Amino acid sequence: MADYPSLATRPASAAGRRVAAVAYAPEGDRLALATAGPAFEVSLREGASPGPWVPLGAPRSDLSALAWSSAAELLVAGDDRQPGAPDRIWSLAGTAARFGKPTGAAFTAAPVAALAPIGDGGRLAVAVRVGEETQVWDAAPPTAGRDVELTPRRVLLRVPAPAGPVSLSVR
């Protein structure tokens, strides 16, 4: 908490919402919060100043992952539980303490379990559930202005699918 003194003295508020994920920006004092449950929302805090809640996802979407690809870009994945509906990864570009609408998106039939930037954020590690296994893909992050199918550059790892949540960290 030393790098985030405002959080140590002033708790982050999500009135009426259950916070499902928290992600600290790689630089500065930005914190992203995401709510749980249907029609999840994301909020950005800079220092002690809360930003507005930005609704994302379909009414039946659940948050599945939240990660910063750079100090100014947040990636959010949503799991649409409607049969046959694809999961999506949205790219949100933020300036100051505000987020606009998603700048780009990528969709996949495989449920997204976790996200992590690789290197400078030009690549993305995506954990997806495929059949009875979890695969970690090396993929391009969503491109601005586009909503395209997420395709792996390569599969980095295949493991039996765990019963619980999945987390990723790339160094």
N, C-alpha and C. Protein backbone atom coordinates (compact mmCIF):
# COMPACT_ATOMS: atom_id res chain seq x y z
N MET A 1 0.80 -1.19 0.00
CA MET A 1 0.00 0.00 0.00
C MET A 1 0.85 1.26 0.00
N ALA A 2 2.16 1.14 0.19
CA ALA A 2 3.01 2.33 0.24
C ALA A 2 2.94 3.13 -1.06
N ASP A 3 2.82 2.45 -2.21
CA ASP A 3 2.73 3.15 -3.48
C ASP A 3 1.35 3.77 -3.71
N TYR A 4 0.38 3.40 -2.89
CA TYR A 4 -0.98 3.87 -3.04
C TYR A 4 -1.46 4.46 -1.72
N PRO A 5 -0.85 5.59 -1.27
CA PRO A 5 -1.19 6.12 0.05
C PRO A 5 -2.66 6.49 0.18
N SER A 6 -3.31 6.93 -0.90
CA SER A 6 -4.72 7.30 -0.79
C SER A 6 -5.58 6.08 -0.47
N LEU A 7 -5.18 4.91 -0.93
CA LEU A 7 -5.95 3.71 -0.63
C LEU A 7 -5.73 3.26 0.81
N ALA A 8 -4.57 3.55 1.34
CA ALA A 8 -4.29 3.16 2.71
C ALA A 8 -5.10 4.00 3.70
N THR A 9 -5.40 5.23 3.33
CA THR A 9 -6.12 6.11 4.25
C THR A 9 -7.59 6.28 3.88
N ARG A 10 -7.96 6.00 2.64
CA ARG A 10 -9.32 6.20 2.18
C ARG A 10 -9.75 4.98 1.36
N PRO A 11 -10.64 4.14 1.90
CA PRO A 11 -11.01 2.93 1.15
C PRO A 11 -11.75 3.26 -0.13
N ALA A 12 -11.57 2.41 -1.12
CA ALA A 12 -12.28 2.56 -2.39
C ALA A 12 -13.74 2.19 -2.18
N SER A 13 -14.65 3.02 -2.65
CA SER A 13 -16.07 2.80 -2.45
C SER A 13 -16.72 2.24 -3.71
N ALA A 14 -17.56 1.28 -3.54
CA ALA A 14 -18.35 0.73 -4.63
C ALA A 14 -19.77 0.57 -4.11
N ALA A 15 -20.39 1.67 -3.77
CA ALA A 15 -21.71 1.66 -3.13
C ALA A 15 -22.70 0.82 -3.90
N GLY A 16 -23.30 -0.14 -3.22
CA GLY A 16 -24.31 -0.99 -3.83
C GLY A 16 -23.77 -2.01 -4.80
N ARG A 17 -22.46 -2.15 -4.89
CA ARG A 17 -21.86 -3.08 -5.84
C ARG A 17 -20.91 -4.03 -5.11
N ARG A 18 -20.81 -5.25 -5.62
CA ARG A 18 -19.83 -6.19 -5.09
C ARG A 18 -18.62 -6.16 -6.01
N VAL A 19 -17.48 -5.76 -5.48
CA VAL A 19 -16.25 -5.66 -6.28
C VAL A 19 -15.72 -7.06 -6.54
N ALA A 20 -15.52 -7.39 -7.83
CA ALA A 20 -15.06 -8.71 -8.23
C ALA A 20 -13.58 -8.74 -8.55
N ALA A 21 -13.03 -7.62 -9.00
CA ALA A 21 -11.62 -7.59 -9.39
C ALA A 21 -11.05 -6.21 -9.18
N VAL A 22 -9.76 -6.20 -8.87
CA VAL A 22 -9.01 -4.96 -8.67
C VAL A 22 -7.71 -5.11 -9.45
N ALA A 23 -7.32 -4.06 -10.16
CA ALA A 23 -6.05 -4.11 -10.90
C ALA A 23 -5.34 -2.77 -10.74
N TYR A 24 -4.10 -2.80 -10.29
CA TYR A 24 -3.29 -1.59 -10.15
C TYR A 24 -2.55 -1.34 -11.46
N ALA A 25 -2.52 -0.08 -11.87
CA ALA A 25 -1.80 0.29 -13.09
C ALA A 25 -0.31 0.06 -12.88
N PRO A 26 0.42 -0.23 -13.97
CA PRO A 26 1.86 -0.47 -13.83
C PRO A 26 2.64 0.77 -13.42
N GLU A 27 2.08 1.95 -13.62
CA GLU A 27 2.74 3.20 -13.23
C GLU A 27 1.70 4.13 -12.61
N GLY A 28 2.13 5.01 -11.75
CA GLY A 28 1.23 6.00 -11.17
C GLY A 28 0.36 5.42 -10.08
N ASP A 29 -0.74 6.12 -9.78
CA ASP A 29 -1.60 5.69 -8.69
C ASP A 29 -3.01 5.37 -9.18
N ARG A 30 -3.10 4.74 -10.34
CA ARG A 30 -4.40 4.38 -10.90
C ARG A 30 -4.80 2.98 -10.45
N LEU A 31 -6.06 2.86 -10.12
CA LEU A 31 -6.63 1.60 -9.66
C LEU A 31 -7.93 1.37 -10.42
N ALA A 32 -8.11 0.19 -10.98
CA ALA A 32 -9.36 -0.15 -11.65
C ALA A 32 -10.12 -1.12 -10.76
N LEU A 33 -11.40 -0.87 -10.61
CA LEU A 33 -12.30 -1.74 -9.86
C LEU A 33 -13.35 -2.25 -10.83
N ALA A 34 -13.76 -3.49 -10.68
CA ALA A 34 -14.83 -4.02 -11.52
C ALA A 34 -15.84 -4.73 -10.63
N THR A 35 -17.10 -4.54 -10.95
CA THR A 35 -18.16 -5.17 -10.19
C THR A 35 -18.40 -6.59 -10.68
N ALA A 36 -19.05 -7.36 -9.84
CA ALA A 36 -19.38 -8.74 -10.17
C ALA A 36 -20.78 -8.81 -10.75
N GLY A 37 -21.09 -9.98 -11.26
CA GLY A 37 -22.45 -10.27 -11.64
C GLY A 37 -22.86 -9.74 -12.99
N PRO A 38 -24.12 -9.94 -13.28
CA PRO A 38 -24.63 -9.55 -14.59
C PRO A 38 -24.39 -8.07 -14.87
N ALA A 39 -24.09 -7.79 -16.13
CA ALA A 39 -23.87 -6.42 -16.59
C ALA A 39 -22.83 -5.71 -15.73
N PHE A 40 -21.65 -6.30 -15.63
CA PHE A 40 -20.60 -5.73 -14.78
C PHE A 40 -20.20 -4.35 -15.23
N GLU A 41 -19.57 -3.60 -14.33
CA GLU A 41 -19.13 -2.25 -14.60
C GLU A 41 -17.69 -2.09 -14.15
N VAL A 42 -17.00 -1.10 -14.70
CA VAL A 42 -15.61 -0.82 -14.34
C VAL A 42 -15.50 0.63 -13.93
N SER A 43 -14.70 0.91 -12.90
CA SER A 43 -14.45 2.28 -12.49
C SER A 43 -12.95 2.46 -12.32
N LEU A 44 -12.48 3.65 -12.62
CA LEU A 44 -11.06 3.98 -12.48
C LEU A 44 -10.91 5.03 -11.39
N ARG A 45 -9.95 4.81 -10.51
CA ARG A 45 -9.63 5.79 -9.47
C ARG A 45 -8.22 6.28 -9.71
N GLU A 46 -8.02 7.56 -9.54
CA GLU A 46 -6.68 8.13 -9.63
C GLU A 46 -6.46 8.86 -8.32
N GLY A 47 -5.49 8.40 -7.52
CA GLY A 47 -5.32 8.96 -6.19
C GLY A 47 -6.57 8.67 -5.40
N ALA A 48 -7.15 9.67 -4.78
CA ALA A 48 -8.36 9.49 -3.98
C ALA A 48 -9.62 9.82 -4.76
N SER A 49 -9.48 10.18 -6.04
CA SER A 49 -10.64 10.61 -6.83
C SER A 49 -11.26 9.44 -7.58
N PRO A 50 -12.53 9.11 -7.26
CA PRO A 50 -13.19 8.03 -7.99
C PRO A 50 -13.65 8.51 -9.36
N GLY A 51 -13.62 7.61 -10.31
CA GLY A 51 -14.15 7.91 -11.63
C GLY A 51 -15.56 7.37 -11.73
N PRO A 52 -16.24 7.62 -12.84
CA PRO A 52 -17.59 7.09 -13.01
C PRO A 52 -17.55 5.59 -13.27
N TRP A 53 -18.66 4.91 -13.00
CA TRP A 53 -18.77 3.50 -13.34
C TRP A 53 -19.17 3.40 -14.80
N VAL A 54 -18.43 2.62 -15.59
CA VAL A 54 -18.70 2.45 -17.01
C VAL A 54 -19.30 1.06 -17.21
N PRO A 55 -20.57 0.97 -17.66
CA PRO A 55 -21.15 -0.36 -17.87
C PRO A 55 -20.53 -1.06 -19.07
N LEU A 56 -20.26 -2.32 -18.92
CA LEU A 56 -19.69 -3.15 -19.99
C LEU A 56 -20.41 -4.48 -20.02
N GLY A 57 -20.39 -5.12 -21.16
CA GLY A 57 -20.91 -6.47 -21.25
C GLY A 57 -22.41 -6.51 -21.47
N ALA A 58 -22.88 -7.66 -21.92
CA ALA A 58 -24.30 -7.89 -22.11
C ALA A 58 -24.96 -8.03 -20.75
N PRO A 59 -26.29 -7.94 -20.70
CA PRO A 59 -26.97 -8.07 -19.40
C PRO A 59 -26.65 -9.37 -18.67
N ARG A 60 -26.25 -10.40 -19.39
CA ARG A 60 -25.93 -11.68 -18.74
C ARG A 60 -24.43 -11.91 -18.60
N SER A 61 -23.63 -10.90 -18.85
CA SER A 61 -22.17 -11.07 -18.78
C SER A 61 -21.68 -11.01 -17.34
N ASP A 62 -20.68 -11.82 -17.05
CA ASP A 62 -19.98 -11.77 -15.77
C ASP A 62 -18.54 -11.38 -16.07
N LEU A 63 -17.95 -10.62 -15.18
CA LEU A 63 -16.54 -10.28 -15.30
C LEU A 63 -15.72 -11.55 -15.16
N SER A 64 -14.74 -11.75 -16.04
CA SER A 64 -13.87 -12.91 -15.88
C SER A 64 -12.41 -12.51 -15.70
N ALA A 65 -12.02 -11.29 -16.11
CA ALA A 65 -10.62 -10.89 -15.94
C ALA A 65 -10.48 -9.38 -16.12
N LEU A 66 -9.43 -8.83 -15.49
CA LEU A 66 -9.13 -7.41 -15.52
C LEU A 66 -7.62 -7.27 -15.46
N ALA A 67 -7.00 -6.52 -16.40
CA ALA A 67 -5.55 -6.36 -16.41
C ALA A 67 -5.17 -5.08 -17.15
N TRP A 68 -4.12 -4.42 -16.71
CA TRP A 68 -3.59 -3.24 -17.40
C TRP A 68 -2.58 -3.70 -18.44
N SER A 69 -2.71 -3.22 -19.69
CA SER A 69 -1.70 -3.53 -20.70
C SER A 69 -0.65 -2.43 -20.75
N SER A 70 -1.00 -1.23 -20.25
CA SER A 70 -0.07 -0.11 -20.14
C SER A 70 -0.65 0.83 -19.09
N ALA A 71 0.03 1.92 -18.82
CA ALA A 71 -0.46 2.87 -17.82
C ALA A 71 -1.74 3.56 -18.26
N ALA A 72 -2.07 3.51 -19.56
CA ALA A 72 -3.26 4.20 -20.06
C ALA A 72 -4.28 3.26 -20.70
N GLU A 73 -4.06 1.95 -20.64
CA GLU A 73 -5.00 1.03 -21.28
C GLU A 73 -5.31 -0.13 -20.35
N LEU A 74 -6.59 -0.33 -20.13
CA LEU A 74 -7.07 -1.41 -19.28
C LEU A 74 -7.79 -2.43 -20.15
N LEU A 75 -7.54 -3.71 -19.91
CA LEU A 75 -8.22 -4.78 -20.62
C LEU A 75 -9.19 -5.46 -19.67
N VAL A 76 -10.41 -5.69 -20.15
CA VAL A 76 -11.47 -6.28 -19.34
C VAL A 76 -12.07 -7.43 -20.14
N ALA A 77 -12.24 -8.58 -19.51
CA ALA A 77 -12.86 -9.72 -20.20
C ALA A 77 -14.18 -10.03 -19.54
N GLY A 78 -15.16 -10.35 -20.37
CA GLY A 78 -16.48 -10.70 -19.87
C GLY A 78 -16.92 -12.05 -20.39
N ASP A 79 -17.55 -12.81 -19.52
CA ASP A 79 -18.03 -14.15 -19.83
C ASP A 79 -19.54 -14.06 -19.99
N ASP A 80 -20.01 -14.22 -21.23
CA ASP A 80 -21.46 -14.20 -21.47
C ASP A 80 -21.97 -15.62 -21.25
N ARG A 81 -22.78 -15.80 -20.24
CA ARG A 81 -23.24 -17.14 -19.87
C ARG A 81 -24.38 -17.66 -20.74
N GLN A 82 -24.84 -16.88 -21.69
CA GLN A 82 -25.87 -17.34 -22.60
C GLN A 82 -25.25 -18.39 -23.52
N PRO A 83 -25.89 -19.56 -23.66
CA PRO A 83 -25.32 -20.60 -24.52
C PRO A 83 -25.06 -20.10 -25.94
N GLY A 84 -23.86 -20.37 -26.43
CA GLY A 84 -23.48 -20.00 -27.78
C GLY A 84 -22.96 -18.58 -27.93
N ALA A 85 -23.06 -17.76 -26.89
CA ALA A 85 -22.57 -16.38 -26.97
C ALA A 85 -21.07 -16.36 -26.68
N PRO A 86 -20.28 -15.60 -27.46
CA PRO A 86 -18.83 -15.58 -27.23
C PRO A 86 -18.45 -14.71 -26.05
N ASP A 87 -17.31 -15.02 -25.45
CA ASP A 87 -16.71 -14.14 -24.46
C ASP A 87 -16.05 -12.99 -25.21
N ARG A 88 -15.85 -11.86 -24.53
CA ARG A 88 -15.21 -10.72 -25.18
C ARG A 88 -14.12 -10.15 -24.27
N ILE A 89 -13.10 -9.59 -24.91
CA ILE A 89 -12.07 -8.81 -24.22
C ILE A 89 -12.18 -7.40 -24.77
N TRP A 90 -12.40 -6.43 -23.88
CA TRP A 90 -12.52 -5.04 -24.31
C TRP A 90 -11.25 -4.29 -23.94
N SER A 91 -10.85 -3.37 -24.77
CA SER A 91 -9.74 -2.48 -24.49
C SER A 91 -10.34 -1.12 -24.14
N LEU A 92 -9.97 -0.60 -22.97
CA LEU A 92 -10.45 0.70 -22.52
C LEU A 92 -9.27 1.64 -22.41
N ALA A 93 -9.29 2.71 -23.15
CA ALA A 93 -8.23 3.71 -23.05
C ALA A 93 -8.70 4.77 -22.09
N GLY A 94 -7.85 5.13 -21.15
CA GLY A 94 -8.24 6.10 -20.15
C GLY A 94 -7.27 7.26 -20.10
N THR A 95 -7.80 8.46 -19.99
CA THR A 95 -6.98 9.63 -19.78
C THR A 95 -7.49 10.29 -18.51
N ALA A 96 -6.58 10.83 -17.74
CA ALA A 96 -6.91 11.39 -16.42
C ALA A 96 -7.65 10.32 -15.65
N ALA A 97 -8.76 10.65 -15.03
CA ALA A 97 -9.51 9.66 -14.24
C ALA A 97 -10.74 9.19 -14.97
N ARG A 98 -10.79 9.31 -16.28
CA ARG A 98 -11.98 8.95 -17.05
C ARG A 98 -11.69 7.83 -18.04
N PHE A 99 -12.68 7.01 -18.22
CA PHE A 99 -12.66 6.00 -19.28
C PHE A 99 -13.73 6.38 -20.28
N GLY A 100 -13.45 6.14 -21.52
CA GLY A 100 -14.49 6.31 -22.52
C GLY A 100 -15.09 4.95 -22.82
N LYS A 101 -15.79 4.87 -23.94
CA LYS A 101 -16.32 3.59 -24.37
C LYS A 101 -15.16 2.71 -24.80
N PRO A 102 -15.40 1.40 -24.88
CA PRO A 102 -14.32 0.52 -25.34
C PRO A 102 -13.78 0.97 -26.70
N THR A 103 -12.46 0.92 -26.83
CA THR A 103 -11.84 1.34 -28.09
C THR A 103 -11.70 0.18 -29.06
N GLY A 104 -11.74 -1.03 -28.56
CA GLY A 104 -11.63 -2.21 -29.41
C GLY A 104 -12.09 -3.43 -28.64
N ALA A 105 -12.34 -4.53 -29.35
CA ALA A 105 -12.77 -5.75 -28.69
C ALA A 105 -12.31 -6.96 -29.49
N ALA A 106 -12.19 -8.07 -28.79
CA ALA A 106 -11.89 -9.36 -29.43
C ALA A 106 -12.82 -10.38 -28.80
N PHE A 107 -13.31 -11.32 -29.58
CA PHE A 107 -14.23 -12.32 -29.05
C PHE A 107 -13.68 -13.71 -29.28
N THR A 108 -14.12 -14.64 -28.44
CA THR A 108 -13.70 -16.02 -28.55
C THR A 108 -14.81 -16.92 -28.03
N ALA A 109 -14.96 -18.09 -28.65
CA ALA A 109 -15.95 -19.06 -28.18
C ALA A 109 -15.48 -19.71 -26.88
N ALA A 110 -14.18 -19.73 -26.64
CA ALA A 110 -13.63 -20.32 -25.43
C ALA A 110 -13.78 -19.34 -24.27
N PRO A 111 -14.31 -19.77 -23.13
CA PRO A 111 -14.45 -18.86 -21.99
C PRO A 111 -13.09 -18.33 -21.52
N VAL A 112 -13.00 -17.01 -21.36
CA VAL A 112 -11.77 -16.37 -20.89
C VAL A 112 -11.71 -16.45 -19.38
N ALA A 113 -10.62 -17.00 -18.84
CA ALA A 113 -10.47 -17.16 -17.40
C ALA A 113 -9.55 -16.12 -16.78
N ALA A 114 -8.54 -15.65 -17.52
CA ALA A 114 -7.58 -14.69 -16.96
C ALA A 114 -6.84 -13.98 -18.09
N LEU A 115 -6.30 -12.80 -17.77
CA LEU A 115 -5.52 -11.98 -18.71
C LEU A 115 -4.25 -11.50 -18.02
N ALA A 116 -3.19 -11.31 -18.80
CA ALA A 116 -1.97 -10.67 -18.30
C ALA A 116 -1.21 -10.11 -19.50
N PRO A 117 -0.73 -8.87 -19.39
CA PRO A 117 0.08 -8.33 -20.49
C PRO A 117 1.42 -9.03 -20.56
N ILE A 118 1.96 -9.12 -21.77
CA ILE A 118 3.29 -9.67 -21.97
C ILE A 118 4.18 -8.52 -22.42
N GLY A 119 5.28 -8.31 -21.74
CA GLY A 119 6.23 -7.26 -22.12
C GLY A 119 5.62 -5.88 -21.99
N ASP A 120 5.70 -5.10 -23.07
CA ASP A 120 5.23 -3.71 -23.05
C ASP A 120 3.74 -3.58 -23.33
N GLY A 121 3.00 -4.66 -23.35
CA GLY A 121 1.56 -4.62 -23.59
C GLY A 121 1.18 -4.86 -25.03
N GLY A 122 2.15 -5.06 -25.91
CA GLY A 122 1.87 -5.33 -27.31
C GLY A 122 1.41 -6.76 -27.55
N ARG A 123 1.54 -7.59 -26.53
CA ARG A 123 1.07 -8.97 -26.58
C ARG A 123 0.32 -9.24 -25.29
N LEU A 124 -0.50 -10.28 -25.33
CA LEU A 124 -1.39 -10.58 -24.22
C LEU A 124 -1.39 -12.07 -23.94
N ALA A 125 -1.26 -12.45 -22.67
CA ALA A 125 -1.45 -13.85 -22.28
C ALA A 125 -2.91 -13.98 -21.88
N VAL A 126 -3.60 -14.93 -22.48
CA VAL A 126 -5.02 -15.14 -22.23
C VAL A 126 -5.22 -16.60 -21.83
N ALA A 127 -5.76 -16.82 -20.64
CA ALA A 127 -6.09 -18.18 -20.21
C ALA A 127 -7.54 -18.45 -20.62
N VAL A 128 -7.74 -19.50 -21.39
CA VAL A 128 -9.08 -19.87 -21.86
C VAL A 128 -9.34 -21.33 -21.50
N ARG A 129 -10.61 -21.64 -21.32
CA ARG A 129 -10.99 -23.03 -21.04
C ARG A 129 -11.43 -23.68 -22.35
N VAL A 130 -10.73 -24.73 -22.73
CA VAL A 130 -11.02 -25.45 -23.96
C VAL A 130 -11.24 -26.91 -23.58
N GLY A 131 -12.48 -27.34 -23.64
CA GLY A 131 -12.80 -28.72 -23.25
C GLY A 131 -12.46 -28.93 -21.78
N GLU A 132 -11.66 -29.94 -21.53
CA GLU A 132 -11.29 -30.29 -20.16
C GLU A 132 -9.94 -29.69 -19.73
N GLU A 133 -9.43 -28.73 -20.51
CA GLU A 133 -8.15 -28.13 -20.16
C GLU A 133 -8.21 -26.61 -20.19
N THR A 134 -7.24 -26.00 -19.54
CA THR A 134 -7.04 -24.56 -19.62
C THR A 134 -5.81 -24.35 -20.49
N GLN A 135 -5.97 -23.50 -21.51
CA GLN A 135 -4.86 -23.17 -22.39
C GLN A 135 -4.48 -21.72 -22.15
N VAL A 136 -3.19 -21.42 -22.19
CA VAL A 136 -2.72 -20.05 -22.13
C VAL A 136 -2.22 -19.69 -23.51
N TRP A 137 -2.87 -18.68 -24.09
CA TRP A 137 -2.54 -18.24 -25.44
C TRP A 137 -1.70 -16.98 -25.40
N ASP A 138 -0.79 -16.87 -26.36
CA ASP A 138 -0.09 -15.63 -26.67
C ASP A 138 -0.90 -15.01 -27.80
N ALA A 139 -1.53 -13.85 -27.53
CA ALA A 139 -2.42 -13.24 -28.53
C ALA A 139 -2.19 -11.74 -28.59
N ALA A 140 -2.66 -11.15 -29.68
CA ALA A 140 -2.61 -9.69 -29.80
C ALA A 140 -3.77 -9.10 -29.00
N PRO A 141 -3.54 -7.99 -28.31
CA PRO A 141 -4.65 -7.34 -27.60
C PRO A 141 -5.66 -6.78 -28.61
N PRO A 142 -6.86 -6.43 -28.16
CA PRO A 142 -7.85 -5.88 -29.08
C PRO A 142 -7.31 -4.65 -29.81
N THR A 143 -7.66 -4.55 -31.09
CA THR A 143 -7.25 -3.44 -31.94
C THR A 143 -8.29 -2.34 -31.88
N ALA A 144 -7.85 -1.09 -31.77
CA ALA A 144 -8.78 0.04 -31.71
C ALA A 144 -9.68 0.06 -32.93
N GLY A 145 -10.97 0.28 -32.67
CA GLY A 145 -11.94 0.41 -33.75
C GLY A 145 -12.42 -0.90 -34.36
N ARG A 146 -12.01 -2.03 -33.77
CA ARG A 146 -12.37 -3.32 -34.35
C ARG A 146 -12.94 -4.25 -33.29
N ASP A 147 -13.76 -5.20 -33.73
CA ASP A 147 -14.28 -6.28 -32.90
C ASP A 147 -14.05 -7.54 -33.71
N VAL A 148 -12.94 -8.21 -33.43
CA VAL A 148 -12.51 -9.35 -34.25
C VAL A 148 -12.32 -10.59 -33.39
N GLU A 149 -12.25 -11.73 -34.03
CA GLU A 149 -12.04 -12.98 -33.31
C GLU A 149 -10.63 -13.01 -32.73
N LEU A 150 -10.54 -13.42 -31.47
CA LEU A 150 -9.24 -13.57 -30.80
C LEU A 150 -8.60 -14.87 -31.28
N THR A 151 -7.43 -14.77 -31.87
CA THR A 151 -6.73 -15.97 -32.34
C THR A 151 -5.35 -16.00 -31.70
N PRO A 152 -4.95 -17.17 -31.21
CA PRO A 152 -3.64 -17.25 -30.58
C PRO A 152 -2.51 -17.21 -31.60
N ARG A 153 -1.43 -16.50 -31.25
CA ARG A 153 -0.21 -16.59 -32.06
C ARG A 153 0.42 -17.96 -31.83
N ARG A 154 0.31 -18.38 -30.57
CA ARG A 154 0.77 -19.72 -30.19
C ARG A 154 0.17 -20.07 -28.85
N VAL A 155 0.13 -21.36 -28.54
CA VAL A 155 -0.34 -21.84 -27.25
C VAL A 155 0.89 -21.99 -26.36
N LEU A 156 0.90 -21.26 -25.25
CA LEU A 156 2.05 -21.28 -24.35
C LEU A 156 2.00 -22.44 -23.36
N LEU A 157 0.79 -22.85 -22.98
CA LEU A 157 0.65 -23.86 -21.92
C LEU A 157 -0.70 -24.54 -22.05
N ARG A 158 -0.71 -25.84 -21.74
CA ARG A 158 -1.95 -26.62 -21.65
C ARG A 158 -1.91 -27.37 -20.33
N VAL A 159 -2.94 -27.19 -19.52
CA VAL A 159 -3.02 -27.91 -18.24
C VAL A 159 -4.47 -28.35 -18.02
N PRO A 160 -4.69 -29.38 -17.18
CA PRO A 160 -6.07 -29.76 -16.87
C PRO A 160 -6.80 -28.57 -16.26
N ALA A 161 -8.05 -28.38 -16.63
CA ALA A 161 -8.83 -27.24 -16.13
C ALA A 161 -9.06 -27.36 -14.63
N PRO A 162 -8.68 -26.33 -13.87
CA PRO A 162 -8.92 -26.36 -12.43
C PRO A 162 -10.40 -26.12 -12.14
N ALA A 163 -10.85 -26.55 -10.97
CA ALA A 163 -12.25 -26.38 -10.59
C ALA A 163 -12.55 -24.93 -10.23
N GLY A 164 -11.55 -24.20 -9.76
CA GLY A 164 -11.76 -22.83 -9.30
C GLY A 164 -11.23 -21.79 -10.26
N PRO A 165 -11.06 -20.58 -9.75
CA PRO A 165 -10.57 -19.48 -10.60
C PRO A 165 -9.13 -19.69 -11.07
N VAL A 166 -8.79 -18.97 -12.12
CA VAL A 166 -7.46 -19.03 -12.71
C VAL A 166 -6.84 -17.63 -12.63
N SER A 167 -5.56 -17.55 -12.35
CA SER A 167 -4.88 -16.25 -12.41
C SER A 167 -3.62 -16.40 -13.23
N LEU A 168 -3.21 -15.30 -13.85
CA LEU A 168 -2.01 -15.28 -14.69
C LEU A 168 -1.09 -14.16 -14.25
N SER A 169 0.18 -14.39 -14.34
CA SER A 169 1.18 -13.36 -14.12
C SER A 169 2.34 -13.67 -15.05
N VAL A 170 2.75 -12.68 -15.83
CA VAL A 170 3.83 -12.88 -16.78
C VAL A 170 4.96 -11.95 -16.40
N ARG A 171 6.15 -12.46 -16.36
CA ARG A 171 7.33 -11.62 -16.02
C ARG A 171 8.28 -11.60 -17.16
